[in-house]
Amino acid sequence: MLPAIDFCIHQAKLKESNDYGFKASFNPTHPGKPGNPFGWWVSPWHFGLNKGPIVLMIENYRSDMLWRLMRNCSYIKLGLQRAGFTGGWLAEISNVLK
């Protein structure tokens, strides 16, 4: 997570001339409009929707709190199992319960 934030700030420069934080989205494989200071396509719009998840991802990276909360939520576990998911941490839980 932190290397991605470092890239967005220092290499992609997505924070420059933007009072609201990072630009909403970008695509470094598309050249964008001629004269674009970024050198690739960068969204001209600002969306508040993507700011909350950034904060949550940073906290999860730091403390693993969100993953722990999710893994301990019986509704999420049951929903994932009913949807057919079986691997990863769900398999670990199933092995412990056996």
N, C-alpha and C. Protein backbone atom coordinates (compact mmCIF):
# COMPACT_ATOMS: atom_id res chain seq x y z
N MET A 1 0.82 -1.19 0.00
CA MET A 1 0.00 0.00 0.00
C MET A 1 0.86 1.25 0.00
N LEU A 2 1.83 1.34 0.86
CA LEU A 2 2.65 2.55 0.92
C LEU A 2 3.47 2.77 -0.35
N PRO A 3 4.00 1.72 -1.00
CA PRO A 3 4.67 1.95 -2.29
C PRO A 3 3.71 2.52 -3.34
N ALA A 4 2.45 2.11 -3.32
CA ALA A 4 1.47 2.65 -4.27
C ALA A 4 1.23 4.13 -4.00
N ILE A 5 1.11 4.51 -2.74
CA ILE A 5 0.92 5.93 -2.40
C ILE A 5 2.16 6.73 -2.80
N ASP A 6 3.34 6.18 -2.54
CA ASP A 6 4.58 6.84 -2.93
C ASP A 6 4.61 7.07 -4.44
N PHE A 7 4.20 6.06 -5.22
CA PHE A 7 4.16 6.20 -6.67
C PHE A 7 3.20 7.31 -7.08
N CYS A 8 2.01 7.33 -6.48
CA CYS A 8 1.01 8.33 -6.84
C CYS A 8 1.48 9.74 -6.54
N ILE A 9 2.23 9.92 -5.47
CA ILE A 9 2.68 11.25 -5.08
C ILE A 9 3.94 11.68 -5.85
N HIS A 10 4.96 10.82 -5.85
CA HIS A 10 6.28 11.24 -6.33
C HIS A 10 6.55 10.94 -7.80
N GLN A 11 6.04 9.82 -8.32
CA GLN A 11 6.32 9.48 -9.71
C GLN A 11 5.19 9.92 -10.64
N ALA A 12 3.95 9.56 -10.29
CA ALA A 12 2.83 9.92 -11.14
C ALA A 12 2.40 11.37 -10.91
N LYS A 13 2.79 11.94 -9.78
CA LYS A 13 2.49 13.33 -9.43
C LYS A 13 0.98 13.61 -9.48
N LEU A 14 0.19 12.66 -8.98
CA LEU A 14 -1.26 12.78 -9.04
C LEU A 14 -1.80 13.74 -7.98
N LYS A 15 -0.97 14.23 -7.11
CA LYS A 15 -1.40 15.18 -6.08
C LYS A 15 -1.22 16.62 -6.53
N GLU A 16 -0.35 16.84 -7.49
CA GLU A 16 -0.03 18.20 -7.93
C GLU A 16 -1.27 18.91 -8.48
N SER A 17 -1.39 20.15 -8.15
CA SER A 17 -2.49 21.02 -8.57
C SER A 17 -3.85 20.39 -8.34
N ASN A 18 -4.00 19.73 -7.20
CA ASN A 18 -5.26 19.11 -6.87
C ASN A 18 -5.52 19.32 -5.38
N ASP A 19 -6.45 20.18 -5.05
CA ASP A 19 -6.75 20.51 -3.66
C ASP A 19 -7.45 19.38 -2.92
N TYR A 20 -7.96 18.38 -3.63
CA TYR A 20 -8.80 17.35 -3.02
C TYR A 20 -8.08 16.03 -2.78
N GLY A 21 -6.79 15.97 -2.97
CA GLY A 21 -6.07 14.71 -2.82
C GLY A 21 -5.66 14.18 -4.19
N PHE A 22 -5.54 12.89 -4.31
CA PHE A 22 -5.13 12.29 -5.58
C PHE A 22 -6.22 12.49 -6.64
N LYS A 23 -5.79 12.50 -7.89
CA LYS A 23 -6.76 12.47 -8.98
C LYS A 23 -7.55 11.17 -8.87
N ALA A 24 -8.78 11.18 -9.38
CA ALA A 24 -9.68 10.04 -9.19
C ALA A 24 -9.16 8.77 -9.87
N SER A 25 -8.62 8.90 -11.06
CA SER A 25 -8.11 7.70 -11.74
C SER A 25 -7.12 8.12 -12.83
N PHE A 26 -6.31 7.15 -13.24
CA PHE A 26 -5.33 7.42 -14.30
C PHE A 26 -5.02 6.13 -15.02
N ASN A 27 -4.47 6.28 -16.23
CA ASN A 27 -4.09 5.13 -17.03
C ASN A 27 -2.76 5.45 -17.71
N PRO A 28 -1.65 4.94 -17.18
CA PRO A 28 -0.35 5.26 -17.77
C PRO A 28 -0.10 4.60 -19.12
N THR A 29 -0.98 3.71 -19.58
CA THR A 29 -0.81 3.10 -20.90
C THR A 29 -1.55 3.86 -21.99
N HIS A 30 -2.30 4.91 -21.63
CA HIS A 30 -3.03 5.72 -22.61
C HIS A 30 -2.41 7.12 -22.61
N PRO A 31 -2.09 7.65 -23.79
CA PRO A 31 -1.38 8.93 -23.82
C PRO A 31 -2.18 10.14 -23.35
N GLY A 32 -3.49 10.05 -23.34
CA GLY A 32 -4.28 11.21 -22.93
C GLY A 32 -4.28 12.29 -24.01
N LYS A 33 -4.66 13.48 -23.62
CA LYS A 33 -4.73 14.59 -24.57
C LYS A 33 -3.34 15.19 -24.78
N PRO A 34 -3.08 15.72 -25.98
CA PRO A 34 -1.80 16.40 -26.21
C PRO A 34 -1.61 17.55 -25.21
N GLY A 35 -0.41 17.71 -24.73
CA GLY A 35 -0.11 18.76 -23.78
C GLY A 35 -0.42 18.40 -22.33
N ASN A 36 -0.88 17.19 -22.10
CA ASN A 36 -1.18 16.73 -20.75
C ASN A 36 0.10 16.75 -19.92
N PRO A 37 0.12 17.46 -18.80
CA PRO A 37 1.35 17.54 -18.01
C PRO A 37 1.78 16.21 -17.38
N PHE A 38 0.86 15.25 -17.29
CA PHE A 38 1.19 13.95 -16.69
C PHE A 38 1.87 13.01 -17.69
N GLY A 39 1.58 13.19 -18.98
CA GLY A 39 2.15 12.30 -19.99
C GLY A 39 1.28 11.08 -20.26
N TRP A 40 0.16 10.96 -19.56
CA TRP A 40 -0.79 9.87 -19.80
C TRP A 40 -2.17 10.36 -19.39
N TRP A 41 -3.18 9.53 -19.61
CA TRP A 41 -4.55 9.94 -19.29
C TRP A 41 -4.74 10.01 -17.79
N VAL A 42 -5.29 11.13 -17.35
CA VAL A 42 -5.63 11.35 -15.95
C VAL A 42 -7.03 11.93 -15.92
N SER A 43 -7.86 11.40 -15.07
CA SER A 43 -9.25 11.86 -14.97
C SER A 43 -9.29 13.35 -14.62
N PRO A 44 -10.10 14.12 -15.34
CA PRO A 44 -10.24 15.55 -15.00
C PRO A 44 -11.22 15.78 -13.86
N TRP A 45 -11.90 14.75 -13.40
CA TRP A 45 -12.93 14.91 -12.38
C TRP A 45 -12.43 14.51 -11.00
N HIS A 46 -13.16 14.93 -10.00
CA HIS A 46 -12.86 14.58 -8.62
C HIS A 46 -14.04 13.83 -8.05
N PHE A 47 -13.78 12.71 -7.41
CA PHE A 47 -14.82 11.91 -6.79
C PHE A 47 -14.49 11.72 -5.32
N GLY A 48 -15.40 12.06 -4.43
CA GLY A 48 -15.17 11.84 -3.01
C GLY A 48 -15.25 10.38 -2.63
N LEU A 49 -15.84 9.56 -3.49
CA LEU A 49 -16.02 8.14 -3.19
C LEU A 49 -14.72 7.41 -2.94
N ASN A 50 -13.66 7.77 -3.63
CA ASN A 50 -12.43 7.00 -3.50
C ASN A 50 -11.56 7.45 -2.33
N LYS A 51 -11.96 8.45 -1.59
CA LYS A 51 -11.13 8.92 -0.47
C LYS A 51 -11.28 8.04 0.76
N GLY A 52 -12.48 7.59 1.06
CA GLY A 52 -12.71 6.73 2.22
C GLY A 52 -11.95 5.42 2.14
N PRO A 53 -12.05 4.71 1.00
CA PRO A 53 -11.31 3.45 0.90
C PRO A 53 -9.80 3.61 1.04
N ILE A 54 -9.25 4.75 0.61
CA ILE A 54 -7.81 4.96 0.77
C ILE A 54 -7.44 4.96 2.25
N VAL A 55 -8.22 5.66 3.05
CA VAL A 55 -7.95 5.71 4.50
C VAL A 55 -8.08 4.31 5.10
N LEU A 56 -9.10 3.56 4.70
CA LEU A 56 -9.29 2.21 5.22
C LEU A 56 -8.14 1.30 4.82
N MET A 57 -7.68 1.41 3.57
CA MET A 57 -6.57 0.57 3.12
C MET A 57 -5.28 0.88 3.88
N ILE A 58 -5.05 2.16 4.17
CA ILE A 58 -3.85 2.52 4.93
C ILE A 58 -3.92 1.92 6.34
N GLU A 59 -5.07 2.05 6.98
CA GLU A 59 -5.20 1.50 8.33
C GLU A 59 -5.08 -0.02 8.32
N ASN A 60 -5.65 -0.66 7.32
CA ASN A 60 -5.54 -2.11 7.23
C ASN A 60 -4.09 -2.53 7.04
N TYR A 61 -3.35 -1.78 6.25
CA TYR A 61 -1.93 -2.06 6.04
C TYR A 61 -1.16 -1.94 7.36
N ARG A 62 -1.49 -0.91 8.12
CA ARG A 62 -0.78 -0.65 9.38
C ARG A 62 -1.11 -1.67 10.47
N SER A 63 -2.39 -2.02 10.62
CA SER A 63 -2.79 -2.79 11.80
C SER A 63 -3.49 -4.11 11.50
N ASP A 64 -3.87 -4.35 10.24
CA ASP A 64 -4.62 -5.56 9.86
C ASP A 64 -6.01 -5.58 10.51
N MET A 65 -6.47 -4.44 11.01
CA MET A 65 -7.74 -4.37 11.74
C MET A 65 -8.94 -4.76 10.88
N LEU A 66 -9.00 -4.25 9.65
CA LEU A 66 -10.17 -4.53 8.81
C LEU A 66 -10.26 -6.01 8.44
N TRP A 67 -9.10 -6.62 8.12
CA TRP A 67 -9.11 -8.04 7.82
C TRP A 67 -9.57 -8.85 9.04
N ARG A 68 -9.09 -8.48 10.21
CA ARG A 68 -9.50 -9.20 11.42
C ARG A 68 -10.99 -9.05 11.66
N LEU A 69 -11.51 -7.85 11.48
CA LEU A 69 -12.96 -7.65 11.66
C LEU A 69 -13.75 -8.48 10.66
N MET A 70 -13.30 -8.49 9.41
CA MET A 70 -14.02 -9.25 8.39
C MET A 70 -13.97 -10.75 8.68
N ARG A 71 -12.82 -11.24 9.05
CA ARG A 71 -12.68 -12.68 9.31
C ARG A 71 -13.50 -13.13 10.51
N ASN A 72 -13.77 -12.23 11.41
CA ASN A 72 -14.55 -12.58 12.60
C ASN A 72 -16.05 -12.34 12.44
N CYS A 73 -16.47 -11.86 11.29
CA CYS A 73 -17.89 -11.59 11.06
C CYS A 73 -18.56 -12.83 10.49
N SER A 74 -19.45 -13.43 11.26
CA SER A 74 -20.10 -14.67 10.83
C SER A 74 -20.93 -14.48 9.57
N TYR A 75 -21.52 -13.31 9.38
CA TYR A 75 -22.32 -13.05 8.18
C TYR A 75 -21.46 -13.06 6.92
N ILE A 76 -20.29 -12.47 7.00
CA ILE A 76 -19.39 -12.45 5.85
C ILE A 76 -18.89 -13.86 5.54
N LYS A 77 -18.47 -14.59 6.59
CA LYS A 77 -17.99 -15.96 6.37
C LYS A 77 -19.07 -16.82 5.73
N LEU A 78 -20.27 -16.77 6.28
CA LEU A 78 -21.37 -17.58 5.75
C LEU A 78 -21.71 -17.18 4.32
N GLY A 79 -21.74 -15.88 4.04
CA GLY A 79 -22.05 -15.41 2.69
C GLY A 79 -21.02 -15.87 1.68
N LEU A 80 -19.75 -15.78 2.04
CA LEU A 80 -18.69 -16.23 1.13
C LEU A 80 -18.76 -17.73 0.90
N GLN A 81 -19.03 -18.48 1.98
CA GLN A 81 -19.13 -19.93 1.83
C GLN A 81 -20.34 -20.31 0.97
N ARG A 82 -21.47 -19.64 1.17
CA ARG A 82 -22.66 -19.91 0.35
C ARG A 82 -22.43 -19.54 -1.12
N ALA A 83 -21.57 -18.55 -1.36
CA ALA A 83 -21.25 -18.14 -2.73
C ALA A 83 -20.24 -19.09 -3.37
N GLY A 84 -19.74 -20.06 -2.61
CA GLY A 84 -18.84 -21.06 -3.16
C GLY A 84 -17.36 -20.82 -2.92
N PHE A 85 -17.01 -19.79 -2.17
CA PHE A 85 -15.61 -19.54 -1.86
C PHE A 85 -15.14 -20.52 -0.79
N THR A 86 -13.95 -21.11 -1.00
CA THR A 86 -13.47 -22.12 -0.06
C THR A 86 -12.00 -21.95 0.32
N GLY A 87 -11.23 -21.23 -0.45
CA GLY A 87 -9.78 -21.15 -0.21
C GLY A 87 -9.38 -20.06 0.74
N GLY A 88 -8.07 -19.85 0.81
CA GLY A 88 -7.51 -18.77 1.63
C GLY A 88 -7.86 -18.90 3.10
N TRP A 89 -8.22 -17.80 3.71
CA TRP A 89 -8.51 -17.80 5.14
C TRP A 89 -9.78 -18.58 5.47
N LEU A 90 -10.69 -18.75 4.51
CA LEU A 90 -11.88 -19.58 4.76
C LEU A 90 -11.48 -21.04 4.95
N ALA A 91 -10.50 -21.50 4.18
CA ALA A 91 -10.02 -22.88 4.33
C ALA A 91 -9.33 -23.05 5.67
N GLU A 92 -8.59 -22.04 6.09
CA GLU A 92 -7.90 -22.10 7.37
C GLU A 92 -8.91 -22.22 8.51
N ILE A 93 -9.99 -21.44 8.43
CA ILE A 93 -11.03 -21.49 9.45
C ILE A 93 -11.72 -22.84 9.46
N SER A 94 -12.00 -23.37 8.26
CA SER A 94 -12.68 -24.68 8.17
C SER A 94 -11.81 -25.77 8.77
N ASN A 95 -10.48 -25.70 8.54
CA ASN A 95 -9.58 -26.71 9.10
C ASN A 95 -9.52 -26.62 10.62
N VAL A 96 -9.60 -25.43 11.17
CA VAL A 96 -9.55 -25.25 12.61
C VAL A 96 -10.84 -25.78 13.24
N LEU A 97 -11.96 -25.60 12.55
CA LEU A 97 -13.25 -26.04 13.10
C LEU A 97 -13.43 -27.55 13.04
N LYS A 98 -12.66 -28.25 12.22
CA LYS A 98 -12.79 -29.71 12.08
C LYS A 98 -12.19 -30.44 13.25
